[in-house]
Amino acid sequence: MKEQQAMSAPDFQKLLALVLNDLTIRRTMLENRAQEVSQELSSLERDAELEQLDTQIQQLQSDYQHYREFCDPDFNFDPNAYYQGPSMGLPKQP
């Protein structure tokens, strides 16, 4: 296993951007599930699952805030553009 010191500063910032992107996606998915649950289940089941979803959303938000503190505001990285760009051998999307 490599140590964090073996990672360059830009790679570390890229890793942070990817983590934050992943956490944002996960939170959105949980929020969408919470909306579905509130509409479809009976009261007792709904309350239990909504409480569990809320706990997961809070954990994700806590991690997001923690990792966000390490981000360099001057580092500009767009994972969508990166993974669709020429660096991956793919044509750029319009």
PDB file of N, CA and C in Angstrom:
ATOM      1  N   MET A   1       0.847  -1.181   0.000  1.00  0.00           N
ATOM      2  CA  MET A   1       0.000   0.000   0.000  1.00  0.00           C
ATOM      3  C   MET A   1       0.889   1.239   0.000  1.00  0.00           C
ATOM      4  N   LYS A   2       0.545   2.182  -0.842  1.00  0.00           N
ATOM      5  CA  LYS A   2       1.297   3.431  -0.893  1.00  0.00           C
ATOM      6  C   LYS A   2       0.832   4.361   0.219  1.00  0.00           C
ATOM      7  N   GLU A   3       1.719   5.234   0.626  1.00  0.00           N
ATOM      8  CA  GLU A   3       1.402   6.241   1.633  1.00  0.00           C
ATOM      9  C   GLU A   3       0.850   7.491   0.950  1.00  0.00           C
ATOM     10  N   GLN A   4       0.127   8.303   1.694  1.00  0.00           N
ATOM     11  CA  GLN A   4      -0.453   9.531   1.139  1.00  0.00           C
ATOM     12  C   GLN A   4       0.641  10.458   0.608  1.00  0.00           C
ATOM     13  N   GLN A   5       1.801  10.421   1.222  1.00  0.00           N
ATOM     14  CA  GLN A   5       2.886  11.304   0.793  1.00  0.00           C
ATOM     15  C   GLN A   5       3.356  10.976  -0.625  1.00  0.00           C
ATOM     16  N   ALA A   6       3.074   9.762  -1.112  1.00  0.00           N
ATOM     17  CA  ALA A   6       3.475   9.374  -2.456  1.00  0.00           C
ATOM     18  C   ALA A   6       2.545   9.948  -3.518  1.00  0.00           C
ATOM     19  N   MET A   7       1.465  10.583  -3.098  1.00  0.00           N
ATOM     20  CA  MET A   7       0.489  11.158  -4.023  1.00  0.00           C
ATOM     21  C   MET A   7       0.794  12.639  -4.224  1.00  0.00           C
ATOM     22  N   SER A   8       0.765  13.064  -5.472  1.00  0.00           N
ATOM     23  CA  SER A   8       1.010  14.477  -5.754  1.00  0.00           C
ATOM     24  C   SER A   8      -0.191  15.311  -5.280  1.00  0.00           C
ATOM     25  N   ALA A   9       0.031  16.591  -5.090  1.00  0.00           N
ATOM     26  CA  ALA A   9      -1.042  17.497  -4.653  1.00  0.00           C
ATOM     27  C   ALA A   9      -2.202  17.527  -5.659  1.00  0.00           C
ATOM     28  N   PRO A  10      -1.939  17.613  -6.976  1.00  0.00           N
ATOM     29  CA  PRO A  10      -3.059  17.576  -7.928  1.00  0.00           C
ATOM     30  C   PRO A  10      -3.832  16.250  -7.876  1.00  0.00           C
ATOM     31  N   ASP A  11      -3.117  15.138  -7.704  1.00  0.00           N
ATOM     32  CA  ASP A  11      -3.808  13.853  -7.598  1.00  0.00           C
ATOM     33  C   ASP A  11      -4.683  13.798  -6.346  1.00  0.00           C
ATOM     34  N   PHE A  12      -4.177  14.365  -5.263  1.00  0.00           N
ATOM     35  CA  PHE A  12      -4.960  14.404  -4.025  1.00  0.00           C
ATOM     36  C   PHE A  12      -6.224  15.242  -4.222  1.00  0.00           C
ATOM     37  N   GLN A  13      -6.096  16.386  -4.889  1.00  0.00           N
ATOM     38  CA  GLN A  13      -7.251  17.238  -5.146  1.00  0.00           C
ATOM     39  C   GLN A  13      -8.243  16.541  -6.075  1.00  0.00           C
ATOM     40  N   LYS A  14      -7.719  15.815  -7.053  1.00  0.00           N
ATOM     41  CA  LYS A  14      -8.580  15.058  -7.953  1.00  0.00           C
ATOM     42  C   LYS A  14      -9.331  13.982  -7.168  1.00  0.00           C
ATOM     43  N   LEU A  15      -8.646  13.293  -6.289  1.00  0.00           N
ATOM     44  CA  LEU A  15      -9.281  12.284  -5.452  1.00  0.00           C
ATOM     45  C   LEU A  15     -10.388  12.897  -4.605  1.00  0.00           C
ATOM     46  N   LEU A  16     -10.121  14.045  -4.027  1.00  0.00           N
ATOM     47  CA  LEU A  16     -11.139  14.726  -3.229  1.00  0.00           C
ATOM     48  C   LEU A  16     -12.351  15.089  -4.077  1.00  0.00           C
ATOM     49  N   ALA A  17     -12.117  15.589  -5.279  1.00  0.00           N
ATOM     50  CA  ALA A  17     -13.229  15.959  -6.164  1.00  0.00           C
ATOM     51  C   ALA A  17     -14.072  14.733  -6.496  1.00  0.00           C
ATOM     52  N   LEU A  18     -13.421  13.616  -6.736  1.00  0.00           N
ATOM     53  CA  LEU A  18     -14.158  12.384  -7.039  1.00  0.00           C
ATOM     54  C   LEU A  18     -14.954  11.899  -5.839  1.00  0.00           C
ATOM     55  N   VAL A  19     -14.362  11.982  -4.669  1.00  0.00           N
ATOM     56  CA  VAL A  19     -15.061  11.567  -3.440  1.00  0.00           C
ATOM     57  C   VAL A  19     -16.274  12.457  -3.202  1.00  0.00           C
ATOM     58  N   LEU A  20     -16.092  13.756  -3.341  1.00  0.00           N
ATOM     59  CA  LEU A  20     -17.211  14.679  -3.130  1.00  0.00           C
ATOM     60  C   LEU A  20     -18.315  14.440  -4.154  1.00  0.00           C
ATOM     61  N   ASN A  21     -17.941  14.157  -5.381  1.00  0.00           N
ATOM     62  CA  ASN A  21     -18.917  13.857  -6.417  1.00  0.00           C
ATOM     63  C   ASN A  21     -19.691  12.586  -6.052  1.00  0.00           C
ATOM     64  N   ASP A  22     -18.980  11.567  -5.615  1.00  0.00           N
ATOM     65  CA  ASP A  22     -19.623  10.317  -5.218  1.00  0.00           C
ATOM     66  C   ASP A  22     -20.571  10.531  -4.038  1.00  0.00           C
ATOM     67  N   LEU A  23     -20.130  11.281  -3.050  1.00  0.00           N
ATOM     68  CA  LEU A  23     -20.984  11.545  -1.884  1.00  0.00           C
ATOM     69  C   LEU A  23     -22.242  12.319  -2.278  1.00  0.00           C
ATOM     70  N   THR A  24     -22.094  13.248  -3.200  1.00  0.00           N
ATOM     71  CA  THR A  24     -23.250  14.013  -3.673  1.00  0.00           C
ATOM     72  C   THR A  24     -24.249  13.096  -4.369  1.00  0.00           C
ATOM     73  N   ILE A  25     -23.740  12.206  -5.204  1.00  0.00           N
ATOM     74  CA  ILE A  25     -24.621  11.261  -5.904  1.00  0.00           C
ATOM     75  C   ILE A  25     -25.328  10.354  -4.905  1.00  0.00           C
ATOM     76  N   ARG A  26     -24.587   9.828  -3.955  1.00  0.00           N
ATOM     77  CA  ARG A  26     -25.186   8.941  -2.945  1.00  0.00           C
ATOM     78  C   ARG A  26     -26.262   9.664  -2.139  1.00  0.00           C
ATOM     79  N   ARG A  27     -25.989  10.903  -1.778  1.00  0.00           N
ATOM     80  CA  ARG A  27     -26.976  11.667  -1.014  1.00  0.00           C
ATOM     81  C   ARG A  27     -28.242  11.881  -1.842  1.00  0.00           C
ATOM     82  N   THR A  28     -28.082  12.229  -3.104  1.00  0.00           N
ATOM     83  CA  THR A  28     -29.232  12.427  -3.982  1.00  0.00           C
ATOM     84  C   THR A  28     -30.051  11.153  -4.088  1.00  0.00           C
ATOM     85  N   MET A  29     -29.373  10.021  -4.226  1.00  0.00           N
ATOM     86  CA  MET A  29     -30.078   8.746  -4.317  1.00  0.00           C
ATOM     87  C   MET A  29     -30.862   8.454  -3.034  1.00  0.00           C
ATOM     88  N   LEU A  30     -30.262   8.732  -1.883  1.00  0.00           N
ATOM     89  CA  LEU A  30     -30.950   8.508  -0.612  1.00  0.00           C
ATOM     90  C   LEU A  30     -32.135   9.461  -0.454  1.00  0.00           C
ATOM     91  N   GLU A  31     -31.953  10.702  -0.865  1.00  0.00           N
ATOM     92  CA  GLU A  31     -33.063  11.656  -0.780  1.00  0.00           C
ATOM     93  C   GLU A  31     -34.212  11.241  -1.698  1.00  0.00           C
ATOM     94  N   ASN A  32     -33.869  10.743  -2.882  1.00  0.00           N
ATOM     95  CA  ASN A  32     -34.909  10.256  -3.795  1.00  0.00           C
ATOM     96  C   ASN A  32     -35.630   9.055  -3.197  1.00  0.00           C
ATOM     97  N   ARG A  33     -34.878   8.158  -2.580  1.00  0.00           N
ATOM     98  CA  ARG A  33     -35.493   6.992  -1.941  1.00  0.00           C
ATOM     99  C   ARG A  33     -36.398   7.430  -0.798  1.00  0.00           C
ATOM    100  N   ALA A  34     -35.975   8.418  -0.033  1.00  0.00           N
ATOM    101  CA  ALA A  34     -36.795   8.921   1.075  1.00  0.00           C
ATOM    102  C   ALA A  34     -38.118   9.466   0.551  1.00  0.00           C
ATOM    103  N   GLN A  35     -38.087  10.131  -0.593  1.00  0.00           N
ATOM    104  CA  GLN A  35     -39.325  10.633  -1.207  1.00  0.00           C
ATOM    105  C   GLN A  35     -40.240   9.485  -1.605  1.00  0.00           C
ATOM    106  N   GLU A  36     -39.648   8.448  -2.197  1.00  0.00           N
ATOM    107  CA  GLU A  36     -40.442   7.285  -2.599  1.00  0.00           C
ATOM    108  C   GLU A  36     -41.068   6.606  -1.389  1.00  0.00           C
ATOM    109  N   VAL A  37     -40.287   6.430  -0.335  1.00  0.00           N
ATOM    110  CA  VAL A  37     -40.756   5.753   0.874  1.00  0.00           C
ATOM    111  C   VAL A  37     -41.898   6.529   1.497  1.00  0.00           C
ATOM    112  N   SER A  38     -41.778   7.825   1.539  1.00  0.00           N
ATOM    113  CA  SER A  38     -42.823   8.626   2.184  1.00  0.00           C
ATOM    114  C   SER A  38     -44.144   8.537   1.435  1.00  0.00           C
ATOM    115  N   GLN A  39     -44.094   8.119   0.181  1.00  0.00           N
ATOM    116  CA  GLN A  39     -45.313   8.030  -0.622  1.00  0.00           C
ATOM    117  C   GLN A  39     -45.917   6.636  -0.672  1.00  0.00           C
ATOM    118  N   GLU A  40     -45.121   5.589  -0.395  1.00  0.00           N
ATOM    119  CA  GLU A  40     -45.624   4.253  -0.676  1.00  0.00           C
ATOM    120  C   GLU A  40     -45.851   3.333   0.518  1.00  0.00           C
ATOM    121  N   LEU A  41     -45.143   3.476   1.597  1.00  0.00           N
ATOM    122  CA  LEU A  41     -45.249   2.522   2.694  1.00  0.00           C
ATOM    123  C   LEU A  41     -46.257   2.968   3.749  1.00  0.00           C
ATOM    124  N   SER A  42     -46.674   1.991   4.559  1.00  0.00           N
ATOM    125  CA  SER A  42     -47.564   2.328   5.666  1.00  0.00           C
ATOM    126  C   SER A  42     -46.797   3.143   6.703  1.00  0.00           C
ATOM    127  N   SER A  43     -47.494   3.716   7.613  1.00  0.00           N
ATOM    128  CA  SER A  43     -46.923   4.677   8.548  1.00  0.00           C
ATOM    129  C   SER A  43     -45.760   4.113   9.357  1.00  0.00           C
ATOM    130  N   LEU A  44     -45.903   2.944   9.949  1.00  0.00           N
ATOM    131  CA  LEU A  44     -44.867   2.385  10.804  1.00  0.00           C
ATOM    132  C   LEU A  44     -43.616   2.027  10.003  1.00  0.00           C
ATOM    133  N   GLU A  45     -43.796   1.359   8.878  1.00  0.00           N
ATOM    134  CA  GLU A  45     -42.662   1.007   8.022  1.00  0.00           C
ATOM    135  C   GLU A  45     -41.996   2.255   7.463  1.00  0.00           C
ATOM    136  N   ARG A  46     -42.800   3.195   7.074  1.00  0.00           N
ATOM    137  CA  ARG A  46     -42.294   4.437   6.493  1.00  0.00           C
ATOM    138  C   ARG A  46     -41.426   5.184   7.495  1.00  0.00           C
ATOM    139  N   ASP A  47     -41.906   5.338   8.711  1.00  0.00           N
ATOM    140  CA  ASP A  47     -41.147   6.073   9.717  1.00  0.00           C
ATOM    141  C   ASP A  47     -39.796   5.424  10.007  1.00  0.00           C
ATOM    142  N   ALA A  48     -39.782   4.092  10.090  1.00  0.00           N
ATOM    143  CA  ALA A  48     -38.529   3.389  10.370  1.00  0.00           C
ATOM    144  C   ALA A  48     -37.530   3.562   9.233  1.00  0.00           C
ATOM    145  N   GLU A  49     -37.994   3.393   8.001  1.00  0.00           N
ATOM    146  CA  GLU A  49     -37.074   3.528   6.869  1.00  0.00           C
ATOM    147  C   GLU A  49     -36.645   4.974   6.675  1.00  0.00           C
ATOM    148  N   LEU A  50     -37.550   5.917   6.864  1.00  0.00           N
ATOM    149  CA  LEU A  50     -37.181   7.331   6.732  1.00  0.00           C
ATOM    150  C   LEU A  50     -36.134   7.725   7.770  1.00  0.00           C
ATOM    151  N   GLU A  51     -36.257   7.185   8.969  1.00  0.00           N
ATOM    152  CA  GLU A  51     -35.271   7.477  10.013  1.00  0.00           C
ATOM    153  C   GLU A  51     -33.907   6.920   9.619  1.00  0.00           C
ATOM    154  N   GLN A  52     -33.906   5.701   9.077  1.00  0.00           N
ATOM    155  CA  GLN A  52     -32.651   5.093   8.631  1.00  0.00           C
ATOM    156  C   GLN A  52     -32.042   5.892   7.474  1.00  0.00           C
ATOM    157  N   LEU A  53     -32.862   6.286   6.526  1.00  0.00           N
ATOM    158  CA  LEU A  53     -32.374   7.083   5.397  1.00  0.00           C
ATOM    159  C   LEU A  53     -31.832   8.429   5.859  1.00  0.00           C
ATOM    160  N   ASP A  54     -32.515   9.046   6.801  1.00  0.00           N
ATOM    161  CA  ASP A  54     -32.060  10.331   7.330  1.00  0.00           C
ATOM    162  C   ASP A  54     -30.701  10.194   8.008  1.00  0.00           C
ATOM    163  N   THR A  55     -30.510   9.104   8.740  1.00  0.00           N
ATOM    164  CA  THR A  55     -29.223   8.855   9.394  1.00  0.00           C
ATOM    165  C   THR A  55     -28.120   8.707   8.352  1.00  0.00           C
ATOM    166  N   GLN A  56     -28.400   7.976   7.279  1.00  0.00           N
ATOM    167  CA  GLN A  56     -27.410   7.798   6.223  1.00  0.00           C
ATOM    168  C   GLN A  56     -27.101   9.115   5.529  1.00  0.00           C
ATOM    169  N   ILE A  57     -28.116   9.916   5.283  1.00  0.00           N
ATOM    170  CA  ILE A  57     -27.915  11.224   4.644  1.00  0.00           C
ATOM    171  C   ILE A  57     -27.056  12.114   5.528  1.00  0.00           C
ATOM    172  N   GLN A  58     -27.298  12.098   6.826  1.00  0.00           N
ATOM    173  CA  GLN A  58     -26.497  12.906   7.754  1.00  0.00           C
ATOM    174  C   GLN A  58     -25.046  12.448   7.773  1.00  0.00           C
ATOM    175  N   GLN A  59     -24.814  11.121   7.708  1.00  0.00           N
ATOM    176  CA  GLN A  59     -23.445  10.608   7.671  1.00  0.00           C
ATOM    177  C   GLN A  59     -22.733  11.061   6.395  1.00  0.00           C
ATOM    178  N   LEU A  60     -23.438  10.980   5.274  1.00  0.00           N
ATOM    179  CA  LEU A  60     -22.852  11.427   4.011  1.00  0.00           C
ATOM    180  C   LEU A  60     -22.533  12.914   4.049  1.00  0.00           C
ATOM    181  N   GLN A  61     -23.437  13.697   4.591  1.00  0.00           N
ATOM    182  CA  GLN A  61     -23.214  15.140   4.680  1.00  0.00           C
ATOM    183  C   GLN A  61     -22.027  15.459   5.584  1.00  0.00           C
ATOM    184  N   SER A  62     -21.896  14.716   6.660  1.00  0.00           N
ATOM    185  CA  SER A  62     -20.764  14.907   7.563  1.00  0.00           C
ATOM    186  C   SER A  62     -19.447  14.598   6.852  1.00  0.00           C
ATOM    187  N   ASP A  63     -19.404  13.480   6.121  1.00  0.00           N
ATOM    188  CA  ASP A  63     -18.201  13.137   5.360  1.00  0.00           C
ATOM    189  C   ASP A  63     -17.916  14.182   4.295  1.00  0.00           C
ATOM    190  N   TYR A  64     -18.965  14.641   3.618  1.00  0.00           N
ATOM    191  CA  TYR A  64     -18.800  15.657   2.580  1.00  0.00           C
ATOM    192  C   TYR A  64     -18.158  16.912   3.173  1.00  0.00           C
ATOM    193  N   GLN A  65     -18.678  17.385   4.291  1.00  0.00           N
ATOM    194  CA  GLN A  65     -18.130  18.591   4.925  1.00  0.00           C
ATOM    195  C   GLN A  65     -16.679  18.377   5.350  1.00  0.00           C
ATOM    196  N   HIS A  66     -16.381  17.194   5.884  1.00  0.00           N
ATOM    197  CA  HIS A  66     -15.024  16.885   6.328  1.00  0.00           C
ATOM    198  C   HIS A  66     -14.038  16.937   5.157  1.00  0.00           C
ATOM    199  N   TYR A  67     -14.365  16.236   4.068  1.00  0.00           N
ATOM    200  CA  TYR A  67     -13.453  16.187   2.928  1.00  0.00           C
ATOM    201  C   TYR A  67     -13.405  17.516   2.181  1.00  0.00           C
ATOM    202  N   ARG A  68     -14.467  18.257   2.207  1.00  0.00           N
ATOM    203  CA  ARG A  68     -14.517  19.563   1.533  1.00  0.00           C
ATOM    204  C   ARG A  68     -13.488  20.515   2.126  1.00  0.00           C
ATOM    205  N   GLU A  69     -13.199  20.352   3.408  1.00  0.00           N
ATOM    206  CA  GLU A  69     -12.232  21.226   4.078  1.00  0.00           C
ATOM    207  C   GLU A  69     -10.828  21.072   3.501  1.00  0.00           C
ATOM    208  N   PHE A  70     -10.531  19.942   2.869  1.00  0.00           N
ATOM    209  CA  PHE A  70      -9.208  19.700   2.308  1.00  0.00           C
ATOM    210  C   PHE A  70      -9.072  20.190   0.873  1.00  0.00           C
ATOM    211  N   CYS A  71     -10.156  20.605   0.261  1.00  0.00           N
ATOM    212  CA  CYS A  71     -10.138  21.008  -1.140  1.00  0.00           C
ATOM    213  C   CYS A  71      -9.470  22.360  -1.336  1.00  0.00           C
ATOM    214  N   ASP A  72      -8.642  22.414  -2.339  1.00  0.00           N
ATOM    215  CA  ASP A  72      -8.011  23.664  -2.743  1.00  0.00           C
ATOM    216  C   ASP A  72      -9.004  24.411  -3.632  1.00  0.00           C
ATOM    217  N   PRO A  73      -9.448  25.602  -3.232  1.00  0.00           N
ATOM    218  CA  PRO A  73     -10.452  26.317  -4.028  1.00  0.00           C
ATOM    219  C   PRO A  73      -9.945  26.715  -5.416  1.00  0.00           C
ATOM    220  N   ASP A  74      -8.640  26.737  -5.605  1.00  0.00           N
ATOM    221  CA  ASP A  74      -8.078  27.107  -6.902  1.00  0.00           C
ATOM    222  C   ASP A  74      -7.930  25.916  -7.847  1.00  0.00           C
ATOM    223  N   PHE A  75      -8.128  24.700  -7.330  1.00  0.00           N
ATOM    224  CA  PHE A  75      -8.000  23.503  -8.164  1.00  0.00           C
ATOM    225  C   PHE A  75      -9.325  23.262  -8.861  1.00  0.00           C
ATOM    226  N   ASN A  76      -9.299  23.275 -10.181  1.00  0.00           N
ATOM    227  CA  ASN A  76     -10.522  23.125 -10.972  1.00  0.00           C
ATOM    228  C   ASN A  76     -10.531  21.747 -11.616  1.00  0.00           C
ATOM    229  N   PHE A  77     -11.433  20.878 -11.172  1.00  0.00           N
ATOM    230  CA  PHE A  77     -11.532  19.532 -11.723  1.00  0.00           C
ATOM    231  C   PHE A  77     -12.997  19.179 -11.890  1.00  0.00           C
ATOM    232  N   ASP A  78     -13.362  18.832 -13.119  1.00  0.00           N
ATOM    233  CA  ASP A  78     -14.724  18.408 -13.422  1.00  0.00           C
ATOM    234  C   ASP A  78     -14.666  16.940 -13.830  1.00  0.00           C
ATOM    235  N   PRO A  79     -15.104  16.026 -12.941  1.00  0.00           N
ATOM    236  CA  PRO A  79     -14.999  14.604 -13.262  1.00  0.00           C
ATOM    237  C   PRO A  79     -15.750  14.215 -14.530  1.00  0.00           C
ATOM    238  N   ASN A  80     -16.880  14.850 -14.783  1.00  0.00           N
ATOM    239  CA  ASN A  80     -17.638  14.524 -15.990  1.00  0.00           C
ATOM    240  C   ASN A  80     -16.843  14.863 -17.242  1.00  0.00           C
ATOM    241  N   ALA A  81     -16.259  16.036 -17.263  1.00  0.00           N
ATOM    242  CA  ALA A  81     -15.457  16.439 -18.413  1.00  0.00           C
ATOM    243  C   ALA A  81     -14.198  15.579 -18.527  1.00  0.00           C
ATOM    244  N   TYR A  82     -13.586  15.264 -17.410  1.00  0.00           N
ATOM    245  CA  TYR A  82     -12.353  14.472 -17.414  1.00  0.00           C
ATOM    246  C   TYR A  82     -12.586  13.087 -18.004  1.00  0.00           C
ATOM    247  N   TYR A  83     -13.649  12.429 -17.567  1.00  0.00           N
ATOM    248  CA  TYR A  83     -13.895  11.061 -18.011  1.00  0.00           C
ATOM    249  C   TYR A  83     -14.546  10.986 -19.391  1.00  0.00           C
ATOM    250  N   GLN A  84     -14.910  12.104 -19.956  1.00  0.00           N
ATOM    251  CA  GLN A  84     -15.439  12.118 -21.313  1.00  0.00           C
ATOM    252  C   GLN A  84     -14.466  12.766 -22.281  1.00  0.00           C
ATOM    253  N   GLY A  85     -13.377  13.270 -21.771  1.00  0.00           N
ATOM    254  CA  GLY A  85     -12.443  14.010 -22.604  1.00  0.00           C
ATOM    255  C   GLY A  85     -11.402  13.142 -23.269  1.00  0.00           C
ATOM    256  N   PRO A  86     -10.506  13.788 -23.985  1.00  0.00           N
ATOM    257  CA  PRO A  86      -9.490  13.072 -24.747  1.00  0.00           C
ATOM    258  C   PRO A  86      -8.507  12.309 -23.868  1.00  0.00           C
ATOM    259  N   SER A  87      -8.395  12.654 -22.581  1.00  0.00           N
ATOM    260  CA  SER A  87      -7.471  11.934 -21.707  1.00  0.00           C
ATOM    261  C   SER A  87      -7.848  10.469 -21.566  1.00  0.00           C
ATOM    262  N   MET A  88      -9.122  10.144 -21.828  1.00  0.00           N
ATOM    263  CA  MET A  88      -9.590   8.761 -21.757  1.00  0.00           C
ATOM    264  C   MET A  88      -9.739   8.156 -23.152  1.00  0.00           C
ATOM    265  N   GLY A  89      -9.276   8.880 -24.161  1.00  0.00           N
ATOM    266  CA  GLY A  89      -9.376   8.388 -25.516  1.00  0.00           C
ATOM    267  C   GLY A  89     -10.776   8.508 -26.111  1.00  0.00           C
ATOM    268  N   LEU A  90     -11.629   9.254 -25.451  1.00  0.00           N
ATOM    269  CA  LEU A  90     -13.002   9.430 -25.921  1.00  0.00           C
ATOM    270  C   LEU A  90     -13.160  10.805 -26.543  1.00  0.00           C
ATOM    271  N   PRO A  91     -14.052  10.924 -27.513  1.00  0.00           N
ATOM    272  CA  PRO A  91     -14.288  12.263 -28.076  1.00  0.00           C
ATOM    273  C   PRO A  91     -15.000  13.143 -27.053  1.00  0.00           C
ATOM    274  N   LYS A  92     -14.728  14.419 -27.103  1.00  0.00           N
ATOM    275  CA  LYS A  92     -15.437  15.360 -26.215  1.00  0.00           C
ATOM    276  C   LYS A  92     -16.891  15.433 -26.603  1.00  0.00           C
ATOM    277  N   GLN A  93     -17.732  15.500 -25.578  1.00  0.00           N
ATOM    278  CA  GLN A  93     -19.160  15.653 -25.811  1.00  0.00           C
ATOM    279  C   GLN A  93     -19.470  17.126 -26.026  1.00  0.00           C
ATOM    280  N   PRO A  94     -20.421  17.449 -26.913  1.00  0.00           N
ATOM    281  CA  PRO A  94     -20.728  18.857 -27.160  1.00  0.00           C
ATOM    282  C   PRO A  94     -21.296  19.540 -25.939  1.00  0.00           C
TER     283      PRO A  94
END
